[in-house]
C-alpha atoms as a PDB file:
ATOM      1  CA  UNK A   1     -17.518  -5.403   4.680  1.00  0.00           C
ATOM      2  CA  UNK A   2     -15.294  -3.683   1.874  1.00  0.00           C
ATOM      3  CA  UNK A   3     -14.881  -5.414  -1.351  1.00  0.00           C
ATOM      4  CA  UNK A   4     -11.352  -6.924  -2.106  1.00  0.00           C
ATOM      5  CA  UNK A   5      -8.985  -4.566  -3.512  1.00  0.00           C
ATOM      6  CA  UNK A   6      -8.867  -5.267  -7.463  1.00  0.00           C
ATOM      7  CA  UNK A   7      -5.446  -3.677  -8.004  1.00  0.00           C
ATOM      8  CA  UNK A   8      -1.956  -4.729  -7.283  1.00  0.00           C
ATOM      9  CA  UNK A   9       0.061  -3.422  -4.259  1.00  0.00           C
ATOM     10  CA  UNK A  10       3.581  -3.002  -4.372  1.00  0.00           C
ATOM     11  CA  UNK A  11       6.729  -1.607  -2.594  1.00  0.00           C
ATOM     12  CA  UNK A  12       9.106   0.991  -4.067  1.00  0.00           C
ATOM     13  CA  UNK A  13       9.962  -0.217  -7.352  1.00  0.00           C
ATOM     14  CA  UNK A  14      13.099   1.440  -7.005  1.00  0.00           C
ATOM     15  CA  UNK A  15      14.660   0.147  -3.861  1.00  0.00           C
ATOM     16  CA  UNK A  16      11.914  -2.329  -2.508  1.00  0.00           C
ATOM     17  CA  UNK A  17      11.287  -0.095   0.585  1.00  0.00           C
ATOM     18  CA  UNK A  18       7.658  -0.393   2.053  1.00  0.00           C
ATOM     19  CA  UNK A  19       5.312   2.503   1.062  1.00  0.00           C
ATOM     20  CA  UNK A  20       4.816   5.270   3.601  1.00  0.00           C
ATOM     21  CA  UNK A  21       1.309   6.030   4.772  1.00  0.00           C
ATOM     22  CA  UNK A  22       1.255   9.578   3.769  1.00  0.00           C
ATOM     23  CA  UNK A  23      -0.092  10.286   0.326  1.00  0.00           C
ATOM     24  CA  UNK A  24       1.848  13.011  -1.595  1.00  0.00           C
ATOM     25  CA  UNK A  25      -0.326  13.460  -4.652  1.00  0.00           C
ATOM     26  CA  UNK A  26      -3.960  12.305  -5.041  1.00  0.00           C
ATOM     27  CA  UNK A  27      -6.871  12.830  -7.596  1.00  0.00           C
ATOM     28  CA  UNK A  28     -10.413  13.445  -6.601  1.00  0.00           C
ATOM     29  CA  UNK A  29     -11.421  10.474  -6.401  1.00  0.00           C
ATOM     30  CA  UNK A  30      -8.374   8.573  -6.142  1.00  0.00           C
ATOM     31  CA  UNK A  31      -8.200   5.889  -8.799  1.00  0.00           C
ATOM     32  CA  UNK A  32      -7.813   3.033  -6.223  1.00  0.00           C
ATOM     33  CA  UNK A  33     -11.407   3.769  -4.885  1.00  0.00           C
ATOM     34  CA  UNK A  34     -13.097   3.036  -8.211  1.00  0.00           C
ATOM     35  CA  UNK A  35     -13.471  -0.322 -10.099  1.00  0.00           C
ATOM     36  CA  UNK A  36     -11.318  -1.264 -12.861  1.00  0.00           C
ATOM     37  CA  UNK A  37     -14.170  -0.958 -15.369  1.00  0.00           C
ATOM     38  CA  UNK A  38     -14.842   2.474 -14.228  1.00  0.00           C
ATOM     39  CA  UNK A  39     -11.111   3.371 -14.971  1.00  0.00           C
ATOM     40  CA  UNK A  40     -11.218   2.524 -18.557  1.00  0.00           C
ATOM     41  CA  UNK A  41     -12.872   5.750 -19.992  1.00  0.00           C
ATOM     42  CA  UNK A  42     -10.418   7.656 -17.871  1.00  0.00           C
ATOM     43  CA  UNK A  43      -7.433   5.688 -19.340  1.00  0.00           C
ATOM     44  CA  UNK A  44      -8.610   6.494 -22.715  1.00  0.00           C
ATOM     45  CA  UNK A  45      -9.045  10.208 -21.863  1.00  0.00           C
ATOM     46  CA  UNK A  46     -12.772  10.549 -22.440  1.00  0.00           C
ATOM     47  CA  UNK A  47     -13.246  12.722 -19.276  1.00  0.00           C
ATOM     48  CA  UNK A  48     -12.118  16.154 -18.404  1.00  0.00           C
ATOM     49  CA  UNK A  49     -11.677  15.211 -14.814  1.00  0.00           C
ATOM     50  CA  UNK A  50      -8.363  13.836 -14.022  1.00  0.00           C
ATOM     51  CA  UNK A  51      -8.090  10.420 -12.025  1.00  0.00           C
ATOM     52  CA  UNK A  52      -5.067   8.535 -11.319  1.00  0.00           C
ATOM     53  CA  UNK A  53      -3.619   6.231  -8.628  1.00  0.00           C
ATOM     54  CA  UNK A  54      -2.354   8.136  -5.232  1.00  0.00           C
ATOM     55  CA  UNK A  55       1.337   8.972  -5.205  1.00  0.00           C
ATOM     56  CA  UNK A  56       3.552   8.465  -2.227  1.00  0.00           C
ATOM     57  CA  UNK A  57       7.154   9.287  -1.686  1.00  0.00           C
ATOM     58  CA  UNK A  58       9.747   6.504  -0.809  1.00  0.00           C
ATOM     59  CA  UNK A  59      11.638   7.569   2.418  1.00  0.00           C
ATOM     60  CA  UNK A  60      14.655   5.626   1.277  1.00  0.00           C
ATOM     61  CA  UNK A  61      15.146   6.676  -2.285  1.00  0.00           C
ATOM     62  CA  UNK A  62      12.771   9.798  -2.788  1.00  0.00           C
ATOM     63  CA  UNK A  63      10.896   8.090  -5.730  1.00  0.00           C
ATOM     64  CA  UNK A  64       7.293   9.161  -6.280  1.00  0.00           C
ATOM     65  CA  UNK A  65       5.330   6.055  -6.880  1.00  0.00           C
ATOM     66  CA  UNK A  66       1.951   4.562  -6.781  1.00  0.00           C
ATOM     67  CA  UNK A  67       1.890   1.781  -4.173  1.00  0.00           C
ATOM     68  CA  UNK A  68      -1.556   0.668  -5.736  1.00  0.00           C
ATOM     69  CA  UNK A  69      -1.617   0.130  -9.264  1.00  0.00           C
ATOM     70  CA  UNK A  70      -2.899  -1.912 -12.189  1.00  0.00           C
ATOM     71  CA  UNK A  71      -1.658  -5.519 -12.330  1.00  0.00           C
ATOM     72  CA  UNK A  72       0.017  -6.710 -15.451  1.00  0.00           C
ATOM     73  CA  UNK A  73      -3.009  -8.469 -16.805  1.00  0.00           C
ATOM     74  CA  UNK A  74      -5.130  -5.062 -16.347  1.00  0.00           C
ATOM     75  CA  UNK A  75      -2.424  -3.195 -18.080  1.00  0.00           C
ATOM     76  CA  UNK A  76      -2.275  -5.478 -21.033  1.00  0.00           C
ATOM     77  CA  UNK A  77      -6.024  -5.254 -21.579  1.00  0.00           C
ATOM     78  CA  UNK A  78      -5.911  -1.285 -21.319  1.00  0.00           C
ATOM     79  CA  UNK A  79      -2.964  -1.049 -23.828  1.00  0.00           C
ATOM     80  CA  UNK A  80      -4.718  -3.456 -26.162  1.00  0.00           C
ATOM     81  CA  UNK A  81      -7.969  -1.440 -26.383  1.00  0.00           C
ATOM     82  CA  UNK A  82      -6.307   1.958 -26.338  1.00  0.00           C
ATOM     83  CA  UNK A  83      -7.443   4.198 -29.327  1.00  0.00           C
ATOM     84  CA  UNK A  84      -4.814   6.226 -31.411  1.00  0.00           C
ATOM     85  CA  UNK A  85      -4.201   9.681 -29.848  1.00  0.00           C
ATOM     86  CA  UNK A  86      -5.624  12.113 -32.591  1.00  0.00           C
ATOM     87  CA  UNK A  87      -4.627  15.315 -30.864  1.00  0.00           C
ATOM     88  CA  UNK A  88      -0.717  14.918 -31.731  1.00  0.00           C
ATOM     89  CA  UNK A  89       1.934  17.231 -31.842  1.00  0.00           C
ATOM     90  CA  UNK A  90       2.786  17.960 -35.561  1.00  0.00           C
ATOM     91  CA  UNK A  91       5.765  15.787 -36.830  1.00  0.00           C
ATOM     92  CA  UNK A  92       7.960  18.627 -37.637  1.00  0.00           C
ATOM     93  CA  UNK A  93       8.086  19.875 -33.948  1.00  0.00           C
ATOM     94  CA  UNK A  94       8.506  16.124 -32.745  1.00  0.00           C
ATOM     95  CA  UNK A  95      11.465  15.776 -34.981  1.00  0.00           C
ATOM     96  CA  UNK A  96      13.122  18.942 -33.541  1.00  0.00           C
ATOM     97  CA  UNK A  97      12.643  17.704 -30.060  1.00  0.00           C
ATOM     98  CA  UNK A  98      14.004  14.356 -30.827  1.00  0.00           C
ATOM     99  CA  UNK A  99      16.838  15.839 -32.850  1.00  0.00           C
ATOM    100  CA  UNK A 100      17.737  17.740 -29.505  1.00  0.00           C
ATOM    101  CA  UNK A 101      17.807  14.335 -27.663  1.00  0.00           C
ATOM    102  CA  UNK A 102      20.095  12.679 -30.212  1.00  0.00           C
ATOM    103  CA  UNK A 103      22.577  15.605 -29.838  1.00  0.00           C
ATOM    104  CA  UNK A 104      22.678  14.810 -26.234  1.00  0.00           C
ATOM    105  CA  UNK A 105      23.412  11.047 -27.062  1.00  0.00           C
ATOM    106  CA  UNK A 106      25.971  12.013 -29.758  1.00  0.00           C
ATOM    107  CA  UNK A 107      27.945  14.073 -27.197  1.00  0.00           C
ATOM    108  CA  UNK A 108      28.394  11.288 -24.851  1.00  0.00           C
ATOM    109  CA  UNK A 109      28.389   7.941 -26.933  1.00  0.00           C
ATOM    110  CA  UNK A 110      30.484   6.463 -29.719  1.00  0.00           C
ATOM    111  CA  UNK A 111      27.381   5.614 -31.768  1.00  0.00           C
ATOM    112  CA  UNK A 112      28.960   2.352 -32.541  1.00  0.00           C
ATOM    113  CA  UNK A 113      28.451  -1.369 -31.809  1.00  0.00           C
ATOM    114  CA  UNK A 114      24.900  -2.481 -31.550  1.00  0.00           C
ATOM    115  CA  UNK A 115      21.917  -0.289 -30.997  1.00  0.00           C
ATOM    116  CA  UNK A 116      18.887  -1.028 -28.763  1.00  0.00           C
ATOM    117  CA  UNK A 117      15.652   1.174 -28.233  1.00  0.00           C
ATOM    118  CA  UNK A 118      12.713   0.616 -26.181  1.00  0.00           C
ATOM    119  CA  UNK A 119       9.682   2.190 -27.511  1.00  0.00           C
ATOM    120  CA  UNK A 120      10.825   3.919 -30.741  1.00  0.00           C
ATOM    121  CA  UNK A 121       7.345   4.424 -32.056  1.00  0.00           C
ATOM    122  CA  UNK A 122       7.693   5.476 -35.862  1.00  0.00           C
ATOM    123  CA  UNK A 123      11.401   5.999 -35.445  1.00  0.00           C
ATOM    124  CA  UNK A 124      11.790   9.921 -35.132  1.00  0.00           C
ATOM    125  CA  UNK A 125      14.737   9.500 -32.764  1.00  0.00           C
ATOM    126  CA  UNK A 126      15.991   6.323 -34.341  1.00  0.00           C
ATOM    127  CA  UNK A 127      16.319   7.973 -37.807  1.00  0.00           C
ATOM    128  CA  UNK A 128      18.901  10.287 -36.375  1.00  0.00           C
ATOM    129  CA  UNK A 129      20.987   7.136 -35.323  1.00  0.00           C
ATOM    130  CA  UNK A 130      20.757   5.606 -38.753  1.00  0.00           C
ATOM    131  CA  UNK A 131      21.851   8.738 -40.593  1.00  0.00           C
ATOM    132  CA  UNK A 132      25.009   9.501 -38.278  1.00  0.00           C
ATOM    133  CA  UNK A 133      25.579   6.311 -36.442  1.00  0.00           C
ATOM    134  CA  UNK A 134      28.139   3.492 -37.252  1.00  0.00           C
ATOM    135  CA  UNK A 135      25.995   0.775 -35.592  1.00  0.00           C
ATOM    136  CA  UNK A 136      26.098  -2.786 -37.039  1.00  0.00           C
ATOM    137  CA  UNK A 137      23.074  -4.122 -35.393  1.00  0.00           C
ATOM    138  CA  UNK A 138      19.613  -2.818 -34.408  1.00  0.00           C
ATOM    139  CA  UNK A 139      17.182  -4.340 -31.945  1.00  0.00           C
ATOM    140  CA  UNK A 140      13.918  -2.206 -31.543  1.00  0.00           C
ATOM    141  CA  UNK A 141      11.464  -3.243 -28.883  1.00  0.00           C
ATOM    142  CA  UNK A 142       7.981  -1.815 -30.028  1.00  0.00           C
ATOM    143  CA  UNK A 143       4.841  -3.567 -28.499  1.00  0.00           C
ATOM    144  CA  UNK A 144       2.701  -1.531 -31.050  1.00  0.00           C
ATOM    145  CA  UNK A 145       2.535  -3.580 -34.212  1.00  0.00           C
ATOM    146  CA  UNK A 146       0.711  -0.961 -36.178  1.00  0.00           C
ATOM    147  CA  UNK A 147       3.822   1.305 -36.383  1.00  0.00           C
ATOM    148  CA  UNK A 148       5.956  -1.543 -37.477  1.00  0.00           C
ATOM    149  CA  UNK A 149       5.916  -0.351 -41.278  1.00  0.00           C
ATOM    150  CA  UNK A 150       6.784   3.335 -40.457  1.00  0.00           C
ATOM    151  CA  UNK A 151       9.628   2.115 -38.183  1.00  0.00           C
ATOM    152  CA  UNK A 152      11.011   0.016 -40.841  1.00  0.00           C
ATOM    153  CA  UNK A 153      10.831   2.808 -43.122  1.00  0.00           C
ATOM    154  CA  UNK A 154      12.846   4.866 -40.882  1.00  0.00           C
ATOM    155  CA  UNK A 155      15.658   2.404 -40.729  1.00  0.00           C
ATOM    156  CA  UNK A 156      16.501   3.344 -44.520  1.00  0.00           C
ATOM    157  CA  UNK A 157      17.464  -0.287 -45.481  1.00  0.00           C
ATOM    158  CA  UNK A 158      19.610  -0.863 -42.416  1.00  0.00           C
ATOM    159  CA  UNK A 159      19.211  -4.599 -41.196  1.00  0.00           C
ATOM    160  CA  UNK A 160      17.107  -4.490 -38.170  1.00  0.00           C
ATOM    161  CA  UNK A 161      14.914  -6.590 -35.792  1.00  0.00           C
ATOM    162  CA  UNK A 162      11.531  -5.251 -34.575  1.00  0.00           C
ATOM    163  CA  UNK A 163      10.569  -7.102 -31.406  1.00  0.00           C
ATOM    164  CA  UNK A 164       7.044  -7.089 -30.036  1.00  0.00           C
ATOM    165  CA  UNK A 165       7.718  -8.994 -27.090  1.00  0.00           C
ATOM    166  CA  UNK A 166       8.567  -6.850 -24.139  1.00  0.00           C
ATOM    167  CA  UNK A 167       9.519  -9.630 -21.665  1.00  0.00           C
ATOM    168  CA  UNK A 168      13.285  -8.944 -21.470  1.00  0.00           C
ATOM    169  CA  UNK A 169      15.933  -8.036 -24.036  1.00  0.00           C
ATOM    170  CA  UNK A 170      16.699 -11.554 -24.956  1.00  0.00           C
ATOM    171  CA  UNK A 171      17.317 -10.761 -28.827  1.00  0.00           C
ATOM    172  CA  UNK A 172      20.380  -8.962 -28.049  1.00  0.00           C
ATOM    173  CA  UNK A 173      23.630 -10.591 -27.093  1.00  0.00           C
ATOM    174  CA  UNK A 174      25.454  -9.979 -23.816  1.00  0.00           C
ATOM    175  CA  UNK A 175      27.940  -6.894 -24.048  1.00  0.00           C
ATOM    176  CA  UNK A 176      26.896  -6.063 -27.537  1.00  0.00           C
ATOM    177  CA  UNK A 177      25.133  -2.845 -27.397  1.00  0.00           C
ATOM    178  CA  UNK A 178      26.765   0.591 -27.683  1.00  0.00           C
ATOM    179  CA  UNK A 179      23.866   2.692 -27.135  1.00  0.00           C
ATOM    180  CA  UNK A 180      20.340   1.873 -25.509  1.00  0.00           C
ATOM    181  CA  UNK A 181      17.624   4.396 -25.580  1.00  0.00           C
ATOM    182  CA  UNK A 182      14.396   4.688 -23.403  1.00  0.00           C
ATOM    183  CA  UNK A 183      12.395   7.868 -24.218  1.00  0.00           C
ATOM    184  CA  UNK A 184       9.445   8.249 -21.998  1.00  0.00           C
ATOM    185  CA  UNK A 185       9.458   4.465 -21.255  1.00  0.00           C
ATOM    186  CA  UNK A 186      10.954   4.157 -17.704  1.00  0.00           C
ATOM    187  CA  UNK A 187       7.885   5.993 -15.918  1.00  0.00           C
ATOM    188  CA  UNK A 188       5.508   3.391 -17.673  1.00  0.00           C
ATOM    189  CA  UNK A 189       7.418   0.395 -16.324  1.00  0.00           C
ATOM    190  CA  UNK A 190       6.139  -1.733 -13.262  1.00  0.00           C
ATOM    191  CA  UNK A 191       9.525  -2.907 -12.337  1.00  0.00           C
ATOM    192  CA  UNK A 192      12.134  -0.359 -13.673  1.00  0.00           C
ATOM    193  CA  UNK A 193      15.140  -1.559 -11.654  1.00  0.00           C
ATOM    194  CA  UNK A 194      14.718  -4.958 -13.045  1.00  0.00           C
ATOM    195  CA  UNK A 195      14.516  -3.730 -16.711  1.00  0.00           C
ATOM    196  CA  UNK A 196      17.516  -1.526 -16.234  1.00  0.00           C
ATOM    197  CA  UNK A 197      19.455  -4.500 -14.865  1.00  0.00           C
ATOM    198  CA  UNK A 198      18.598  -6.544 -17.724  1.00  0.00           C
ATOM    199  CA  UNK A 199      19.551  -3.818 -20.015  1.00  0.00           C
ATOM    200  CA  UNK A 200      22.948  -3.282 -18.328  1.00  0.00           C
ATOM    201  CA  UNK A 201      24.109  -6.844 -19.220  1.00  0.00           C
ATOM    202  CA  UNK A 202      23.506  -5.928 -22.871  1.00  0.00           C
ATOM    203  CA  UNK A 203      25.951  -2.900 -22.727  1.00  0.00           C
ATOM    204  CA  UNK A 204      29.562  -3.001 -23.832  1.00  0.00           C
ATOM    205  CA  UNK A 205      31.919  -1.611 -21.206  1.00  0.00           C
ATOM    206  CA  UNK A 206      31.843   1.790 -23.157  1.00  0.00           C
ATOM    207  CA  UNK A 207      28.041   1.577 -23.969  1.00  0.00           C
ATOM    208  CA  UNK A 208      25.611   4.256 -22.942  1.00  0.00           C
ATOM    209  CA  UNK A 209      22.120   4.557 -21.873  1.00  0.00           C
ATOM    210  CA  UNK A 210      19.864   7.424 -22.776  1.00  0.00           C
ATOM    211  CA  UNK A 211      16.711   8.035 -20.754  1.00  0.00           C
ATOM    212  CA  UNK A 212      14.061  10.636 -21.042  1.00  0.00           C
ATOM    213  CA  UNK A 213      11.523  10.995 -18.118  1.00  0.00           C
ATOM    214  CA  UNK A 214       9.079  13.592 -16.715  1.00  0.00           C
ATOM    215  CA  UNK A 215      10.443  15.627 -13.883  1.00  0.00           C
ATOM    216  CA  UNK A 216       8.203  15.728 -10.898  1.00  0.00           C
ATOM    217  CA  UNK A 217      10.332  18.323  -9.168  1.00  0.00           C
ATOM    218  CA  UNK A 218      10.054  20.855 -12.000  1.00  0.00           C
ATOM    219  CA  UNK A 219       8.508  24.287 -11.712  1.00  0.00           C
ATOM    220  CA  UNK A 220       5.755  23.199 -14.102  1.00  0.00           C
ATOM    221  CA  UNK A 221       4.861  20.256 -11.786  1.00  0.00           C
ATOM    222  CA  UNK A 222       4.932  22.345  -8.639  1.00  0.00           C
ATOM    223  CA  UNK A 223       2.782  25.001 -10.285  1.00  0.00           C
ATOM    224  CA  UNK A 224       0.226  22.493 -11.718  1.00  0.00           C
ATOM    225  CA  UNK A 225       0.199  20.314  -8.629  1.00  0.00           C
ATOM    226  CA  UNK A 226      -2.260  17.397  -9.131  1.00  0.00           C
ATOM    227  CA  UNK A 227      -3.163  18.982 -12.494  1.00  0.00           C
ATOM    228  CA  UNK A 228       0.366  18.312 -13.938  1.00  0.00           C
ATOM    229  CA  UNK A 229      -0.339  15.919 -16.915  1.00  0.00           C
ATOM    230  CA  UNK A 230       2.283  13.535 -16.056  1.00  0.00           C
ATOM    231  CA  UNK A 231       0.195  12.407 -12.939  1.00  0.00           C
ATOM    232  CA  UNK A 232      -1.893  10.052 -14.893  1.00  0.00           C
ATOM    233  CA  UNK A 233      -3.080   6.384 -15.051  1.00  0.00           C
ATOM    234  CA  UNK A 234      -0.315   5.427 -17.321  1.00  0.00           C
ATOM    235  CA  UNK A 235       2.489   6.384 -14.881  1.00  0.00           C
ATOM    236  CA  UNK A 236       3.019   4.076 -11.898  1.00  0.00           C
ATOM    237  CA  UNK A 237       5.987   6.305 -10.903  1.00  0.00           C
ATOM    238  CA  UNK A 238       7.609   9.739 -11.814  1.00  0.00           C
ATOM    239  CA  UNK A 239      11.068  10.766 -11.369  1.00  0.00           C
ATOM    240  CA  UNK A 240      13.268  13.717 -10.178  1.00  0.00           C
ATOM    241  CA  UNK A 241      17.102  13.973 -10.575  1.00  0.00           C
ATOM    242  CA  UNK A 242      17.389  12.593  -7.092  1.00  0.00           C
ATOM    243  CA  UNK A 243      15.238   9.597  -7.533  1.00  0.00           C
ATOM    244  CA  UNK A 244      16.415   8.857 -11.175  1.00  0.00           C
ATOM    245  CA  UNK A 245      20.035   8.872  -9.993  1.00  0.00           C
ATOM    246  CA  UNK A 246      19.114   6.665  -7.029  1.00  0.00           C
ATOM    247  CA  UNK A 247      17.499   4.090  -9.281  1.00  0.00           C
ATOM    248  CA  UNK A 248      20.426   4.066 -11.905  1.00  0.00           C
ATOM    249  CA  UNK A 249      23.073   3.552  -9.298  1.00  0.00           C
ATOM    250  CA  UNK A 250      21.180   0.886  -7.536  1.00  0.00           C
ATOM    251  CA  UNK A 251      20.787  -0.900 -11.077  1.00  0.00           C
ATOM    252  CA  UNK A 252      24.509  -0.836 -11.465  1.00  0.00           C
ATOM    253  CA  UNK A 253      25.072   2.478 -13.556  1.00  0.00           C
ATOM    254  CA  UNK A 254      27.046   5.646 -13.176  1.00  0.00           C
ATOM    255  CA  UNK A 255      25.290   8.966 -14.049  1.00  0.00           C
ATOM    256  CA  UNK A 256      27.219  10.739 -16.835  1.00  0.00           C
ATOM    257  CA  UNK A 257      24.818  13.634 -17.173  1.00  0.00           C
ATOM    258  CA  UNK A 258      21.337  14.816 -16.525  1.00  0.00           C
ATOM    259  CA  UNK A 259      19.547  18.051 -17.602  1.00  0.00           C
ATOM    260  CA  UNK A 260      16.364  19.572 -18.545  1.00  0.00           C
ATOM    261  CA  UNK A 261      14.994  18.780 -22.059  1.00  0.00           C
ATOM    262  CA  UNK A 262      14.049  21.165 -24.741  1.00  0.00           C
ATOM    263  CA  UNK A 263      10.788  20.231 -26.079  1.00  0.00           C
ATOM    264  CA  UNK A 264       9.210  21.938 -29.282  1.00  0.00           C
ATOM    265  CA  UNK A 265       5.432  22.667 -29.182  1.00  0.00           C
ATOM    266  CA  UNK A 266       3.032  24.579 -31.394  1.00  0.00           C
ATOM    267  CA  UNK A 267       1.541  27.599 -29.565  1.00  0.00           C
ATOM    268  CA  UNK A 268      -1.940  26.285 -30.443  1.00  0.00           C
ATOM    269  CA  UNK A 269      -1.078  22.950 -28.661  1.00  0.00           C
ATOM    270  CA  UNK A 270       0.403  24.660 -25.516  1.00  0.00           C
ATOM    271  CA  UNK A 271      -2.577  26.855 -25.047  1.00  0.00           C
ATOM    272  CA  UNK A 272      -5.373  24.132 -25.490  1.00  0.00           C
ATOM    273  CA  UNK A 273      -3.597  22.021 -22.846  1.00  0.00           C
ATOM    274  CA  UNK A 274      -3.042  24.884 -20.666  1.00  0.00           C
ATOM    275  CA  UNK A 275      -6.667  25.668 -20.731  1.00  0.00           C
ATOM    276  CA  UNK A 276      -7.352  21.784 -20.119  1.00  0.00           C
ATOM    277  CA  UNK A 277      -4.853  21.872 -17.071  1.00  0.00           C
ATOM    278  CA  UNK A 278      -7.106  24.679 -15.729  1.00  0.00           C
ATOM    279  CA  UNK A 279     -10.179  22.733 -16.225  1.00  0.00           C
ATOM    280  CA  UNK A 280     -11.338  24.446 -19.340  1.00  0.00           C
ATOM    281  CA  UNK A 281     -12.181  22.116 -22.277  1.00  0.00           C
ATOM    282  CA  UNK A 282     -11.245  24.149 -25.308  1.00  0.00           C
ATOM    283  CA  UNK A 283     -12.035  22.561 -28.681  1.00  0.00           C
ATOM    284  CA  UNK A 284     -11.199  25.626 -30.906  1.00  0.00           C
ATOM    285  CA  UNK A 285      -8.123  27.385 -30.184  1.00  0.00           C
ATOM    286  CA  UNK A 286      -6.425  29.860 -32.797  1.00  0.00           C
ATOM    287  CA  UNK A 287      -3.727  28.128 -34.919  1.00  0.00           C
ATOM    288  CA  UNK A 288      -1.035  30.933 -34.791  1.00  0.00           C
ATOM    289  CA  UNK A 289       0.153  29.895 -38.169  1.00  0.00           C
ATOM    290  CA  UNK A 290       1.426  26.661 -36.888  1.00  0.00           C
ATOM    291  CA  UNK A 291       4.097  28.470 -34.966  1.00  0.00           C
ATOM    292  CA  UNK A 292       6.178  26.471 -32.527  1.00  0.00           C
ATOM    293  CA  UNK A 293       8.539  27.338 -29.628  1.00  0.00           C
ATOM    294  CA  UNK A 294      11.243  25.344 -27.754  1.00  0.00           C
ATOM    295  CA  UNK A 295      10.622  25.276 -24.094  1.00  0.00           C
ATOM    296  CA  UNK A 296      11.970  23.429 -20.927  1.00  0.00           C
ATOM    297  CA  UNK A 297       8.763  22.032 -19.774  1.00  0.00           C
ATOM    298  CA  UNK A 298       9.171  19.379 -17.119  1.00  0.00           C
ATOM    299  CA  UNK A 299      11.346  16.566 -18.497  1.00  0.00           C
ATOM    300  CA  UNK A 300      14.756  15.309 -17.754  1.00  0.00           C
ATOM    301  CA  UNK A 301      17.281  13.761 -20.154  1.00  0.00           C
ATOM    302  CA  UNK A 302      20.073  11.508 -18.671  1.00  0.00           C
ATOM    303  CA  UNK A 303      23.001   9.627 -19.998  1.00  0.00           C
ATOM    304  CA  UNK A 304      24.351   6.739 -17.995  1.00  0.00           C
ATOM    305  CA  UNK A 305      27.103   4.136 -18.223  1.00  0.00           C
ATOM    306  CA  UNK A 306      27.465   0.790 -16.760  1.00  0.00           C
ATOM    307  CA  UNK A 307      29.432   1.194 -13.533  1.00  0.00           C
ATOM    308  CA  UNK A 308      32.254  -1.252 -13.248  1.00  0.00           C
ATOM    309  CA  UNK A 309      34.354  -2.037 -10.140  1.00  0.00           C
ATOM    310  CA  UNK A 310      37.623  -0.461 -10.023  1.00  0.00           C
ATOM    311  CA  UNK A 311      36.667   2.210 -12.506  1.00  0.00           C
ATOM    312  CA  UNK A 312      38.775   5.480 -11.803  1.00  0.00           C
END
């Protein structure tokens, strides 16, 4: 007799359709065949071998999602003990990437009213909005309390609220937000459709939502297969243009624009992670003078607006 399933089972988190039986992408071994305790070291990145929950493709909306995944209690425990990532991209490269994201928002949003960001971290994107926006209220939903001092510093004296409770967006009044931002957040959520519906109620009629996600239909994802870094224990689902559009429309948005992002990486970082993806753990890689390049490497950036009945 097999032991009881220690993980949660779920239907498609975008449209609610039951999962198909065919597995699209799986690790060896699949995470769902291991005990929760055995997955903790993999979550923290201690092993070269990649382990993740098997992904299936929804036959209704096309979303690639894990029908078996951690439950909310397990996720809370995992994030609480997660060690800081010491293999970081240099801040200068991160700022260039975030600046590119901001230019997309700036082209499609008025940058006024309230500002709401989910997962701002230390505020690299937010700082652009502080400098160039005309926002009159700031709600920053960030579960990591350790980054609060740096995030507050990025606000440059602007009155703001840092909210650590991620259960809804109750701090922001309805129809008060001119710009909402979710950068690499949506693919971490167990119920992305509910989060987007809640967020839509906070947007003004002219408000805009900026989203950045990994693109499972990208050339990089196809090239690397199950070695693609976005297939990991932290992602209960990953998106494509098709599935992202379907999710947004179901949640009451219309898609304004979607395109590939340009991300800036040091050559050393790219080479190290390319070797890791090929199964080679390279601890020492030439620095190449810290030279960084901008590449379209498997991410999507989208701007969406609340869809109103009768809109032309």
